[in-house]
N, C-alpha and C. Protein backbone atom coordinates (compact mmCIF):
# COMPACT_ATOMS: atom_id res chain seq x y z
N UNK A 1 12.13 -29.59 13.29
CA UNK A 1 11.74 -28.23 12.58
C UNK A 1 12.43 -27.12 13.03
N UNK A 2 12.53 -26.15 12.02
CA UNK A 2 13.14 -24.85 12.40
C UNK A 2 12.07 -23.71 13.48
N UNK A 3 12.59 -23.39 14.26
CA UNK A 3 11.58 -22.29 15.20
C UNK A 3 11.29 -21.15 14.13
N UNK A 4 9.64 -20.92 14.47
CA UNK A 4 9.42 -20.06 13.57
C UNK A 4 9.28 -18.34 14.62
N UNK A 5 9.88 -17.41 13.84
CA UNK A 5 9.91 -16.06 15.16
C UNK A 5 8.73 -15.38 14.64
N UNK A 6 7.98 -14.77 15.57
CA UNK A 6 7.14 -13.38 15.28
C UNK A 6 7.42 -12.45 14.69
N UNK A 7 7.16 -11.86 13.80
CA UNK A 7 7.23 -10.60 13.05
C UNK A 7 6.06 -9.80 13.20
N UNK A 8 6.61 -8.49 13.09
CA UNK A 8 5.24 -7.47 12.74
C UNK A 8 5.81 -6.69 11.49
N UNK A 9 4.92 -6.28 10.72
CA UNK A 9 5.36 -5.33 9.45
C UNK A 9 4.16 -4.50 9.36
N UNK A 10 4.63 -3.12 8.34
CA UNK A 10 3.28 -2.39 8.05
C UNK A 10 4.02 -1.97 6.66
N UNK A 11 3.13 -1.34 5.91
CA UNK A 11 3.09 -1.08 4.56
C UNK A 11 3.41 0.64 4.53
N UNK A 12 4.34 0.85 4.07
CA UNK A 12 4.65 2.50 3.80
C UNK A 12 4.10 2.98 2.56
N UNK A 13 3.04 3.67 2.83
CA UNK A 13 2.12 4.66 1.69
C UNK A 13 2.56 6.09 1.71
N UNK A 14 2.82 6.39 0.18
CA UNK A 14 2.66 7.88 0.05
C UNK A 14 1.13 8.35 -0.29
N UNK A 15 0.59 9.04 0.40
CA UNK A 15 -0.98 9.51 0.41
C UNK A 15 -0.59 10.97 -0.32
N UNK A 16 -0.62 11.53 -1.57
CA UNK A 16 -0.47 12.62 -2.07
C UNK A 16 -1.67 13.82 -1.74
N UNK A 17 -2.65 13.15 -1.23
CA UNK A 17 -3.80 14.48 -0.95
C UNK A 17 -4.62 13.50 -0.11
N UNK A 18 -4.15 13.72 1.29
CA UNK A 18 -4.49 13.02 2.83
C UNK A 18 -5.92 12.68 2.39
N UNK A 19 -6.39 13.94 2.18
CA UNK A 19 -8.06 14.31 2.55
C UNK A 19 -8.43 13.31 1.54
N UNK A 20 -7.78 12.81 0.72
CA UNK A 20 -8.92 12.05 -0.42
C UNK A 20 -8.93 10.54 -0.16
N UNK A 21 -7.76 10.09 0.88
CA UNK A 21 -7.00 8.92 1.37
C UNK A 21 -7.05 7.98 0.21
N UNK A 22 -6.24 8.32 -0.88
CA UNK A 22 -6.06 7.79 -1.80
C UNK A 22 -4.18 7.41 -1.60
N UNK A 23 -3.97 6.26 -1.83
CA UNK A 23 -2.26 6.15 -1.67
C UNK A 23 -1.56 4.83 -2.77
N UNK A 24 -0.47 5.03 -2.43
CA UNK A 24 0.70 4.33 -3.61
C UNK A 24 1.36 3.51 -2.57
N UNK A 25 1.28 2.33 -2.33
CA UNK A 25 2.38 1.43 -1.58
C UNK A 25 3.53 1.48 -2.09
N UNK A 26 4.55 1.94 -1.12
CA UNK A 26 6.24 2.44 -1.54
C UNK A 26 7.18 1.30 -0.74
N UNK A 27 6.58 0.99 0.34
CA UNK A 27 7.61 0.21 0.97
C UNK A 27 6.73 -0.45 2.19
N UNK A 28 7.91 -1.27 2.31
CA UNK A 28 7.40 -2.16 3.73
C UNK A 28 8.78 -1.85 5.15
N UNK A 29 8.07 -2.20 6.27
CA UNK A 29 9.05 -1.91 7.54
C UNK A 29 8.62 -3.40 8.38
N UNK A 30 9.78 -3.96 8.60
CA UNK A 30 9.55 -5.19 9.16
C UNK A 30 10.47 -5.25 10.84
N UNK A 31 9.52 -5.98 11.67
CA UNK A 31 10.37 -6.09 12.98
C UNK A 31 10.46 -7.44 13.64
N UNK A 32 11.28 -7.74 14.34
CA UNK A 32 11.21 -9.21 14.48
C UNK A 32 12.16 -9.27 15.60
N UNK A 33 11.28 -9.16 16.78
CA UNK A 33 12.32 -9.16 18.16
C UNK A 33 13.40 -10.11 18.30
N UNK A 34 12.57 -11.66 18.07
CA UNK A 34 13.63 -12.52 18.44
C UNK A 34 15.03 -12.65 17.26
N UNK A 35 14.69 -11.97 16.16
CA UNK A 35 16.29 -11.69 15.53
C UNK A 35 17.13 -10.28 15.69
N UNK A 36 16.38 -9.64 16.44
CA UNK A 36 16.95 -8.11 16.37
C UNK A 36 16.81 -7.56 15.04
N UNK A 37 15.90 -7.80 14.25
CA UNK A 37 15.55 -7.23 13.22
C UNK A 37 14.76 -6.21 13.29
N UNK A 38 15.18 -4.95 12.10
CA UNK A 38 14.13 -3.60 12.00
C UNK A 38 14.70 -3.28 10.88
N UNK A 39 14.01 -3.45 9.63
CA UNK A 39 14.45 -2.93 8.30
C UNK A 39 13.45 -2.63 7.58
N UNK A 40 13.76 -1.68 6.77
CA UNK A 40 12.29 -1.13 5.77
C UNK A 40 13.27 -1.24 4.19
N UNK A 41 12.53 -1.29 3.22
CA UNK A 41 12.52 -1.37 1.91
C UNK A 41 11.49 -0.67 1.13
N UNK A 42 12.30 0.18 0.18
CA UNK A 42 11.22 1.20 -0.21
C UNK A 42 11.53 1.32 -1.82
N UNK A 43 10.50 1.63 -2.52
CA UNK A 43 10.91 2.11 -4.13
C UNK A 43 9.91 3.44 -4.65
N UNK A 44 10.52 4.47 -5.03
CA UNK A 44 9.51 5.73 -5.31
C UNK A 44 9.09 5.37 -6.70
N UNK A 45 7.76 4.86 -7.31
CA UNK A 45 7.61 4.78 -8.74
C UNK A 45 7.27 6.17 -9.15
N UNK A 46 8.34 6.99 -9.69
CA UNK A 46 8.11 8.50 -9.49
C UNK A 46 6.96 8.67 -10.67
N UNK A 47 6.74 7.67 -11.68
CA UNK A 47 5.43 8.39 -13.01
C UNK A 47 4.05 8.09 -12.44
N UNK A 48 4.10 6.90 -11.51
CA UNK A 48 2.96 6.85 -10.51
C UNK A 48 2.59 7.73 -9.86
N UNK A 49 3.29 8.33 -8.77
CA UNK A 49 3.11 9.34 -8.08
C UNK A 49 3.01 10.66 -8.47
N UNK A 50 3.78 10.66 -9.80
CA UNK A 50 2.95 11.87 -10.45
C UNK A 50 1.39 11.89 -11.18
N UNK A 51 1.07 10.68 -11.33
CA UNK A 51 0.12 10.49 -11.82
C UNK A 51 -1.51 10.89 -11.07
N UNK A 52 -0.75 10.64 -9.74
CA UNK A 52 -1.56 11.03 -8.60
C UNK A 52 -1.77 12.63 -8.38
N UNK A 53 -0.47 13.21 -8.25
CA UNK A 53 -0.09 14.60 -8.02
C UNK A 53 1.08 15.02 -8.74
N UNK A 54 0.93 15.79 -9.66
CA UNK A 54 2.07 16.36 -10.53
C UNK A 54 2.94 17.39 -9.58
N UNK A 55 2.64 17.68 -8.39
CA UNK A 55 3.44 18.52 -7.59
C UNK A 55 3.77 18.06 -6.22
N UNK A 56 3.90 16.72 -6.42
CA UNK A 56 4.87 16.21 -4.99
C UNK A 56 6.36 16.08 -5.50
N UNK A 57 6.87 16.50 -4.26
CA UNK A 57 8.25 16.55 -4.46
C UNK A 57 8.99 15.30 -3.99
N UNK A 58 9.48 14.70 -5.25
CA UNK A 58 10.01 13.45 -4.84
C UNK A 58 11.75 13.64 -4.27
N UNK A 59 12.21 14.66 -4.39
CA UNK A 59 13.36 14.41 -3.50
C UNK A 59 13.37 14.38 -1.98
N UNK A 60 11.98 15.08 -1.35
CA UNK A 60 11.92 15.35 -0.48
C UNK A 60 11.16 13.85 0.06
N UNK A 61 10.29 13.35 -0.52
CA UNK A 61 9.74 11.81 -0.28
C UNK A 61 10.88 11.03 -0.27
N UNK A 62 11.94 10.95 -1.09
CA UNK A 62 12.94 10.15 -0.61
C UNK A 62 13.59 10.18 0.46
N UNK A 63 13.92 11.68 1.25
CA UNK A 63 14.52 11.69 2.37
C UNK A 63 13.81 11.60 3.34
N UNK A 64 12.51 11.56 3.54
CA UNK A 64 11.73 11.12 4.36
C UNK A 64 11.77 9.09 4.68
N UNK A 65 11.75 8.90 3.05
CA UNK A 65 12.02 7.54 3.74
C UNK A 65 13.43 6.88 4.00
N UNK A 66 14.65 8.01 3.12
CA UNK A 66 15.99 7.56 3.83
C UNK A 66 15.94 7.74 5.22
N UNK A 67 15.22 8.50 5.83
CA UNK A 67 14.90 8.64 7.37
C UNK A 67 14.57 7.28 8.23
N UNK A 68 13.74 6.84 7.50
CA UNK A 68 12.85 5.59 8.09
C UNK A 68 14.22 4.53 8.18
N UNK A 69 15.04 4.59 7.18
CA UNK A 69 16.60 3.60 6.69
C UNK A 69 17.19 3.98 8.00
N UNK A 70 17.77 5.42 8.34
CA UNK A 70 18.71 5.72 9.34
C UNK A 70 17.82 5.53 10.56
N UNK A 71 16.59 5.44 10.70
CA UNK A 71 15.84 5.23 12.42
C UNK A 71 16.02 3.61 12.32
N UNK A 72 15.91 3.01 11.45
CA UNK A 72 15.76 1.62 11.72
C UNK A 72 17.34 0.88 11.87
N UNK A 73 18.26 1.63 11.52
CA UNK A 73 19.65 1.32 11.44
C UNK A 73 20.09 1.53 13.23
N UNK A 74 19.28 2.45 13.54
CA UNK A 74 19.69 2.99 14.48
C UNK A 74 21.21 3.94 14.67
N UNK A 75 21.72 4.01 16.09
CA UNK A 75 22.74 4.86 15.85
C UNK A 75 22.61 6.07 15.72
N UNK A 76 23.70 7.23 16.17
CA UNK A 76 23.51 8.46 16.02
C UNK A 76 22.80 9.00 14.35
N UNK A 77 23.05 8.34 13.18
CA UNK A 77 22.71 8.35 12.41
C UNK A 77 21.31 8.51 12.01
N UNK A 78 20.28 8.12 13.35
CA UNK A 78 18.89 7.60 13.31
C UNK A 78 18.38 8.90 14.03
N UNK A 79 19.33 9.78 14.55
CA UNK A 79 18.75 10.92 15.75
C UNK A 79 18.37 10.52 16.89
N UNK A 80 17.43 11.19 17.57
CA UNK A 80 17.14 10.69 18.93
C UNK A 80 15.88 9.57 18.69
N UNK A 81 15.42 9.46 17.99
CA UNK A 81 14.66 8.15 17.59
C UNK A 81 15.38 7.14 17.35
N UNK A 82 16.67 7.34 16.70
CA UNK A 82 17.07 6.01 15.90
C UNK A 82 18.13 5.38 17.09
N UNK A 83 18.00 6.29 18.47
CA UNK A 83 18.84 6.01 19.57
C UNK A 83 17.74 5.07 20.63
N UNK A 84 16.68 5.11 20.45
CA UNK A 84 15.83 4.39 21.13
C UNK A 84 15.80 2.84 20.95
N UNK A 85 15.37 1.94 22.11
CA UNK A 85 15.21 0.54 21.95
C UNK A 85 14.71 -0.08 20.48
N UNK A 86 14.98 -1.11 20.02
CA UNK A 86 14.39 -1.26 18.40
C UNK A 86 12.67 -1.36 18.75
N UNK A 87 12.29 -1.98 19.54
CA UNK A 87 10.92 -1.66 19.70
C UNK A 87 10.32 -0.92 19.73
N UNK A 88 10.73 0.35 20.40
CA UNK A 88 10.65 1.80 20.33
C UNK A 88 10.74 2.19 19.28
N UNK A 89 11.94 2.17 18.37
CA UNK A 89 11.82 2.62 17.02
C UNK A 89 10.62 2.23 15.79
N UNK A 90 10.35 0.80 16.20
CA UNK A 90 9.18 0.47 15.21
C UNK A 90 8.02 1.13 15.51
N UNK A 91 7.69 1.05 16.63
CA UNK A 91 6.37 1.77 17.18
C UNK A 91 6.11 3.08 16.70
N UNK A 92 7.47 4.06 16.89
CA UNK A 92 7.38 5.37 16.40
C UNK A 92 6.98 5.47 14.94
N UNK A 93 8.00 4.60 13.94
CA UNK A 93 7.92 4.74 12.38
C UNK A 93 6.16 4.28 12.29
N UNK A 94 5.91 3.68 12.94
CA UNK A 94 4.10 2.97 12.41
C UNK A 94 3.08 3.76 13.34
N UNK A 95 3.60 4.76 14.00
CA UNK A 95 2.46 5.34 14.59
C UNK A 95 1.52 5.93 13.64
N UNK A 96 0.25 6.35 14.04
CA UNK A 96 -0.52 6.61 12.97
C UNK A 96 -0.06 8.13 12.73
N UNK A 97 -0.41 8.97 11.70
CA UNK A 97 0.26 10.15 10.99
C UNK A 97 -0.84 10.59 10.18
N UNK A 98 -0.92 12.11 9.93
CA UNK A 98 -1.58 12.51 8.65
C UNK A 98 -0.86 13.11 7.78
N UNK A 99 0.00 12.34 7.48
CA UNK A 99 1.29 13.27 6.66
C UNK A 99 1.27 12.46 5.11
N UNK A 100 2.11 13.23 4.37
CA UNK A 100 2.02 12.57 2.61
C UNK A 100 2.68 10.84 2.89
N UNK A 101 3.31 10.59 3.85
CA UNK A 101 4.31 9.33 4.43
C UNK A 101 3.39 8.80 5.18
N UNK A 102 2.58 7.80 4.88
CA UNK A 102 2.16 7.03 6.48
C UNK A 102 2.08 5.72 6.14
N UNK A 103 2.06 5.01 7.49
CA UNK A 103 2.03 3.38 7.24
C UNK A 103 0.79 2.98 7.31
N UNK A 104 0.45 1.57 7.30
CA UNK A 104 -0.79 0.86 7.55
C UNK A 104 -0.65 0.36 8.92
N UNK A 105 -1.86 -0.31 9.22
CA UNK A 105 -1.67 -0.80 10.67
C UNK A 105 -0.95 -1.94 10.59
N UNK A 106 -0.51 -2.14 11.69
CA UNK A 106 0.69 -3.22 11.94
C UNK A 106 0.10 -4.47 11.95
N UNK A 107 0.63 -5.64 10.83
CA UNK A 107 -0.02 -6.84 10.91
C UNK A 107 1.38 -7.93 11.35
N UNK A 108 0.84 -8.91 12.23
CA UNK A 108 1.62 -9.88 12.48
C UNK A 108 2.09 -11.11 11.80
N UNK A 109 3.11 -11.77 12.01
CA UNK A 109 3.14 -13.25 11.33
C UNK A 109 4.15 -13.56 11.88
N UNK A 110 4.71 -15.32 11.38
CA UNK A 110 5.49 -15.82 11.81
C UNK A 110 6.47 -16.14 10.75
N UNK A 111 7.94 -16.36 11.08
CA UNK A 111 8.90 -16.26 10.06
C UNK A 111 9.78 -17.04 10.49
N UNK A 112 10.83 -17.83 9.50
CA UNK A 112 11.74 -18.38 9.49
C UNK A 112 13.24 -17.31 9.73
N UNK A 113 13.11 -16.62 8.80
CA UNK A 113 14.57 -15.47 8.58
C UNK A 113 13.58 -13.66 7.92
N UNK A 114 13.79 -13.13 8.95
CA UNK A 114 13.09 -11.88 8.83
C UNK A 114 13.51 -11.37 7.71
N UNK A 115 14.58 -11.61 6.93
CA UNK A 115 15.25 -10.56 5.70
C UNK A 115 14.50 -11.08 4.73
N UNK A 116 14.43 -12.52 4.54
CA UNK A 116 13.56 -13.09 3.68
C UNK A 116 12.30 -12.84 3.34
N UNK A 117 11.67 -12.71 4.93
CA UNK A 117 10.37 -12.20 4.61
C UNK A 117 9.94 -10.76 4.12
N UNK A 118 10.86 -10.10 4.67
CA UNK A 118 10.81 -8.51 3.88
C UNK A 118 10.99 -8.83 2.91
N UNK A 119 11.84 -9.50 1.70
CA UNK A 119 12.09 -9.40 0.34
C UNK A 119 10.35 -9.96 0.00
N UNK A 120 10.02 -10.67 0.72
CA UNK A 120 8.98 -11.59 0.49
C UNK A 120 7.57 -10.59 0.13
N UNK A 121 7.37 -9.82 1.17
CA UNK A 121 6.49 -8.87 1.61
C UNK A 121 6.60 -7.27 0.54
N UNK A 122 7.75 -7.32 0.02
CA UNK A 122 7.90 -6.19 -0.38
C UNK A 122 7.43 -6.37 -2.22
N UNK A 123 7.96 -7.61 -2.45
CA UNK A 123 7.60 -8.10 -3.74
C UNK A 123 5.90 -8.20 -3.88
N UNK A 124 5.50 -8.91 -2.59
CA UNK A 124 3.72 -9.04 -2.81
C UNK A 124 3.12 -7.60 -2.70
N UNK A 125 3.64 -6.90 -1.66
CA UNK A 125 2.46 -5.50 -1.60
C UNK A 125 3.33 -4.31 -2.06
N UNK A 126 4.30 -4.25 -2.74
CA UNK A 126 4.93 -3.02 -3.50
C UNK A 126 4.89 -2.95 -5.07
N UNK A 127 5.92 -4.15 -5.43
CA UNK A 127 6.34 -4.33 -6.55
C UNK A 127 5.52 -4.64 -7.40
């Protein structure tokens, strides 16, 4: 039987009005230490977001989520945070914050292949 690997994930949410605590799931970030895996997938459903708040700056939201991608990828493109060890990057990205872009609590699981698990979670929790 193939080895199962521990992974952790969080759902990325856009919360147009933080004080109302309403949100739309727009992405997933997944970390698997055993596979050296840290990636995110996201999609900004513009019509749904505008239904929540007509004054949302969609290009700015897109840039914030692209920053998640750059930090996950590491290297200089991810800035100072992107150069931290992979576990530290995941912890930084999933830290509690009170901004328009937030993450859910971190959830654990077991997987064979982290990339496939990210695709499955994205389909289940976002699409």
